Amino acid sequence: MVYIFAVLAGAMVILNMSMNASLAGKLGVFRGTFVNYLVGLSLISAVALFTGAFLPTGWAMPAPQFLLGGVLGVIIVSASNVVIPKIPVVYITALFFVGQIFAGLILDFIRFGRGDWAKLAGAALVLSGVLVNALQGAKKA
């Protein structure tokens, strides 16, 4: 069941990026990013309100480093809004996958002092395939 949710979340990320890029094309990169976060904040606030998450019991302010996730999110959405209209979605998907693998491997190395060479090789293979395909497409154009 967890894997089904992971696949759905991945599909939603790609759908969200495509929709944000279209919105940014109409409103501009930063206005599109603002609308993305405004709608997300409205939706999560409504869910939190109806589930009782705003009740004061057990709620505490997170450590400051955890608030950087929002800053990173704004950077990612803004960058995606600039890049996605210029690159085919299948390349974006593969490159995000490779970026997530590399980031995960770096975090594993920092946290546990070791990495998984098979995952690194797999990510490098996917990245190589994307690059070869992009170069072949550029030669045909």
C-alpha atoms as a PDB file:
ATOM      1  CA  MET A   1       0.000   0.000   0.000  1.00  0.00           C
ATOM      2  CA  VAL A   2       2.865   2.366   0.809  1.00  0.00           C
ATOM      3  CA  TYR A   3       4.314   1.818  -2.660  1.00  0.00           C
ATOM      4  CA  ILE A   4       1.000   2.738  -4.278  1.00  0.00           C
ATOM      5  CA  PHE A   5       1.004   6.022  -2.344  1.00  0.00           C
ATOM      6  CA  ALA A   6       4.617   6.632  -3.389  1.00  0.00           C
ATOM      7  CA  VAL A   7       3.739   6.137  -7.065  1.00  0.00           C
ATOM      8  CA  LEU A   8       0.707   8.415  -6.714  1.00  0.00           C
ATOM      9  CA  ALA A   9       2.816  11.063  -4.979  1.00  0.00           C
ATOM     10  CA  GLY A  10       5.402  10.890  -7.768  1.00  0.00           C
ATOM     11  CA  ALA A  11       2.706  11.255 -10.398  1.00  0.00           C
ATOM     12  CA  MET A  12       1.221  14.194  -8.512  1.00  0.00           C
ATOM     13  CA  VAL A  13       4.629  15.906  -8.375  1.00  0.00           C
ATOM     14  CA  ILE A  14       4.985  15.719 -12.165  1.00  0.00           C
ATOM     15  CA  LEU A  15       1.383  16.852 -12.681  1.00  0.00           C
ATOM     16  CA  ASN A  16       1.913  19.703 -10.194  1.00  0.00           C
ATOM     17  CA  MET A  17       5.105  20.826 -11.920  1.00  0.00           C
ATOM     18  CA  SER A  18       3.422  20.840 -15.330  1.00  0.00           C
ATOM     19  CA  MET A  19       0.445  22.802 -14.039  1.00  0.00           C
ATOM     20  CA  ASN A  20       2.711  25.276 -12.226  1.00  0.00           C
ATOM     21  CA  ALA A  21       4.749  25.814 -15.378  1.00  0.00           C
ATOM     22  CA  SER A  22       1.558  26.564 -17.329  1.00  0.00           C
ATOM     23  CA  LEU A  23       0.404  28.946 -14.622  1.00  0.00           C
ATOM     24  CA  ALA A  24       3.824  30.629 -14.572  1.00  0.00           C
ATOM     25  CA  GLY A  25       3.591  31.061 -18.329  1.00  0.00           C
ATOM     26  CA  LYS A  26       0.408  33.077 -17.839  1.00  0.00           C
ATOM     27  CA  LEU A  27       1.204  34.939 -14.606  1.00  0.00           C
ATOM     28  CA  GLY A  28       4.993  34.965 -14.465  1.00  0.00           C
ATOM     29  CA  VAL A  29       7.366  32.758 -12.479  1.00  0.00           C
ATOM     30  CA  PHE A  30       7.042  34.410  -9.089  1.00  0.00           C
ATOM     31  CA  ARG A  31       3.303  35.073  -9.258  1.00  0.00           C
ATOM     32  CA  GLY A  32       2.779  31.462 -10.329  1.00  0.00           C
ATOM     33  CA  THR A  33       4.881  30.272  -7.387  1.00  0.00           C
ATOM     34  CA  PHE A  34       2.899  32.525  -5.037  1.00  0.00           C
ATOM     35  CA  VAL A  35      -0.413  31.132  -6.302  1.00  0.00           C
ATOM     36  CA  ASN A  36       0.929  27.578  -5.876  1.00  0.00           C
ATOM     37  CA  TYR A  37       1.805  28.210  -2.244  1.00  0.00           C
ATOM     38  CA  LEU A  38      -1.355  30.203  -1.535  1.00  0.00           C
ATOM     39  CA  VAL A  39      -3.577  27.391  -2.810  1.00  0.00           C
ATOM     40  CA  GLY A  40      -1.487  24.798  -0.956  1.00  0.00           C
ATOM     41  CA  LEU A  41      -1.662  26.791   2.284  1.00  0.00           C
ATOM     42  CA  SER A  42      -5.425  27.205   1.917  1.00  0.00           C
ATOM     43  CA  LEU A  43      -5.962  23.502   1.320  1.00  0.00           C
ATOM     44  CA  ILE A  44      -3.709  22.288   4.129  1.00  0.00           C
ATOM     45  CA  SER A  45      -5.245  24.863   6.503  1.00  0.00           C
ATOM     46  CA  ALA A  46      -8.727  23.550   5.715  1.00  0.00           C
ATOM     47  CA  VAL A  47      -7.587  19.951   6.275  1.00  0.00           C
ATOM     48  CA  ALA A  48      -5.866  20.936   9.536  1.00  0.00           C
ATOM     49  CA  LEU A  49      -8.956  22.798  10.706  1.00  0.00           C
ATOM     50  CA  PHE A  50     -11.277  19.849  10.062  1.00  0.00           C
ATOM     51  CA  THR A  51      -8.921  17.244  11.545  1.00  0.00           C
ATOM     52  CA  GLY A  52      -8.250  19.201  14.726  1.00  0.00           C
ATOM     53  CA  ALA A  53      -4.563  19.779  13.996  1.00  0.00           C
ATOM     54  CA  PHE A  54      -4.845  23.396  15.165  1.00  0.00           C
ATOM     55  CA  LEU A  55      -5.815  22.331  18.673  1.00  0.00           C
ATOM     56  CA  PRO A  56      -3.125  23.410  21.169  1.00  0.00           C
ATOM     57  CA  THR A  57      -2.586  19.935  22.651  1.00  0.00           C
ATOM     58  CA  GLY A  58       0.781  18.504  21.678  1.00  0.00           C
ATOM     59  CA  TRP A  59       1.637  21.259  19.200  1.00  0.00           C
ATOM     60  CA  ALA A  60       5.096  22.810  19.308  1.00  0.00           C
ATOM     61  CA  MET A  61       7.172  25.004  17.016  1.00  0.00           C
ATOM     62  CA  PRO A  62       9.666  22.899  15.043  1.00  0.00           C
ATOM     63  CA  ALA A  63      13.396  23.505  15.195  1.00  0.00           C
ATOM     64  CA  PRO A  64      14.463  26.360  12.876  1.00  0.00           C
ATOM     65  CA  GLN A  65      16.322  24.099  10.416  1.00  0.00           C
ATOM     66  CA  PHE A  66      13.062  22.341   9.600  1.00  0.00           C
ATOM     67  CA  LEU A  67      11.573  25.619   8.403  1.00  0.00           C
ATOM     68  CA  LEU A  68      14.105  25.628   5.554  1.00  0.00           C
ATOM     69  CA  GLY A  69      11.885  23.099   3.769  1.00  0.00           C
ATOM     70  CA  GLY A  70       9.532  25.924   2.823  1.00  0.00           C
ATOM     71  CA  VAL A  71      12.391  28.019   1.475  1.00  0.00           C
ATOM     72  CA  LEU A  72      13.705  25.081  -0.532  1.00  0.00           C
ATOM     73  CA  GLY A  73      10.192  24.443  -1.834  1.00  0.00           C
ATOM     74  CA  VAL A  74       9.882  27.999  -3.141  1.00  0.00           C
ATOM     75  CA  ILE A  75      13.260  27.677  -4.870  1.00  0.00           C
ATOM     76  CA  ILE A  76      12.306  24.325  -6.414  1.00  0.00           C
ATOM     77  CA  VAL A  77       8.894  25.504  -7.645  1.00  0.00           C
ATOM     78  CA  SER A  78      10.362  28.721  -9.060  1.00  0.00           C
ATOM     79  CA  ALA A  79      13.194  26.883 -10.809  1.00  0.00           C
ATOM     80  CA  SER A  80      10.762  24.292 -12.156  1.00  0.00           C
ATOM     81  CA  ASN A  81       8.546  27.044 -13.530  1.00  0.00           C
ATOM     82  CA  VAL A  82      11.510  28.375 -15.493  1.00  0.00           C
ATOM     83  CA  VAL A  83      12.916  25.020 -16.687  1.00  0.00           C
ATOM     84  CA  ILE A  84       9.864  22.878 -17.440  1.00  0.00           C
ATOM     85  CA  PRO A  85       8.625  24.826 -20.486  1.00  0.00           C
ATOM     86  CA  LYS A  86      12.083  24.436 -22.066  1.00  0.00           C
ATOM     87  CA  ILE A  87      12.664  20.682 -21.547  1.00  0.00           C
ATOM     88  CA  PRO A  88      10.386  17.710 -22.340  1.00  0.00           C
ATOM     89  CA  VAL A  89       8.521  16.426 -19.281  1.00  0.00           C
ATOM     90  CA  VAL A  90      10.060  12.959 -19.596  1.00  0.00           C
ATOM     91  CA  TYR A  91      13.540  14.510 -19.203  1.00  0.00           C
ATOM     92  CA  ILE A  92      12.371  16.535 -16.228  1.00  0.00           C
ATOM     93  CA  THR A  93      10.991  13.384 -14.613  1.00  0.00           C
ATOM     94  CA  ALA A  94      14.215  11.443 -15.175  1.00  0.00           C
ATOM     95  CA  LEU A  95      16.407  14.334 -14.021  1.00  0.00           C
ATOM     96  CA  PHE A  96      14.350  14.841 -10.856  1.00  0.00           C
ATOM     97  CA  PHE A  97      14.654  11.114 -10.189  1.00  0.00           C
ATOM     98  CA  VAL A  98      18.426  11.241 -10.623  1.00  0.00           C
ATOM     99  CA  GLY A  99      18.663  14.359  -8.454  1.00  0.00           C
ATOM    100  CA  GLN A 100      16.665  12.699  -5.691  1.00  0.00           C
ATOM    101  CA  ILE A 101      18.848   9.578  -5.844  1.00  0.00           C
ATOM    102  CA  PHE A 102      22.046  11.639  -5.656  1.00  0.00           C
ATOM    103  CA  ALA A 103      20.671  13.772  -2.796  1.00  0.00           C
ATOM    104  CA  GLY A 104      19.587  10.642  -0.927  1.00  0.00           C
ATOM    105  CA  LEU A 105      23.005   9.071  -1.378  1.00  0.00           C
ATOM    106  CA  ILE A 106      24.720  12.232  -0.108  1.00  0.00           C
ATOM    107  CA  LEU A 107      22.436  12.364   2.924  1.00  0.00           C
ATOM    108  CA  ASP A 108      23.032   8.658   3.624  1.00  0.00           C
ATOM    109  CA  PHE A 109      26.774   9.246   3.417  1.00  0.00           C
ATOM    110  CA  ILE A 110      26.583  12.226   5.782  1.00  0.00           C
ATOM    111  CA  ARG A 111      24.313  10.437   8.238  1.00  0.00           C
ATOM    112  CA  PHE A 112      25.651   6.883   8.125  1.00  0.00           C
ATOM    113  CA  GLY A 113      29.137   7.310   6.656  1.00  0.00           C
ATOM    114  CA  ARG A 114      28.415   4.977   3.747  1.00  0.00           C
ATOM    115  CA  GLY A 115      26.717   4.984   0.381  1.00  0.00           C
ATOM    116  CA  ASP A 116      25.167   2.447  -1.943  1.00  0.00           C
ATOM    117  CA  TRP A 117      27.345   2.079  -5.043  1.00  0.00           C
ATOM    118  CA  ALA A 118      24.663   0.137  -6.929  1.00  0.00           C
ATOM    119  CA  LYS A 119      22.201   3.034  -6.553  1.00  0.00           C
ATOM    120  CA  LEU A 120      24.892   5.490  -7.600  1.00  0.00           C
ATOM    121  CA  ALA A 121      25.640   3.388 -10.689  1.00  0.00           C
ATOM    122  CA  GLY A 122      21.919   3.140 -11.496  1.00  0.00           C
ATOM    123  CA  ALA A 123      21.431   6.893 -11.190  1.00  0.00           C
ATOM    124  CA  ALA A 124      24.502   7.500 -13.366  1.00  0.00           C
ATOM    125  CA  LEU A 125      23.099   5.074 -15.957  1.00  0.00           C
ATOM    126  CA  VAL A 126      19.727   6.881 -16.031  1.00  0.00           C
ATOM    127  CA  LEU A 127      21.492  10.248 -16.307  1.00  0.00           C
ATOM    128  CA  SER A 128      23.642   8.912 -19.154  1.00  0.00           C
ATOM    129  CA  GLY A 129      20.545   7.665 -20.962  1.00  0.00           C
ATOM    130  CA  VAL A 130      18.842  11.052 -20.657  1.00  0.00           C
ATOM    131  CA  LEU A 131      21.947  12.832 -21.929  1.00  0.00           C
ATOM    132  CA  VAL A 132      22.410  10.461 -24.889  1.00  0.00           C
ATOM    133  CA  ASN A 133      18.730  10.788 -25.796  1.00  0.00           C
ATOM    134  CA  ALA A 134      18.873  14.586 -25.528  1.00  0.00           C
ATOM    135  CA  LEU A 135      22.002  14.730 -27.700  1.00  0.00           C
ATOM    136  CA  GLN A 136      20.401  12.485 -30.311  1.00  0.00           C
ATOM    137  CA  GLY A 137      17.318  14.711 -30.319  1.00  0.00           C
ATOM    138  CA  ALA A 138      19.476  17.820 -30.715  1.00  0.00           C
ATOM    139  CA  LYS A 139      21.267  16.310 -33.743  1.00  0.00           C
ATOM    140  CA  LYS A 140      17.936  15.592 -35.469  1.00  0.00           C
ATOM    141  CA  ALA A 141      16.625  19.117 -34.928  1.00  0.00           C
END
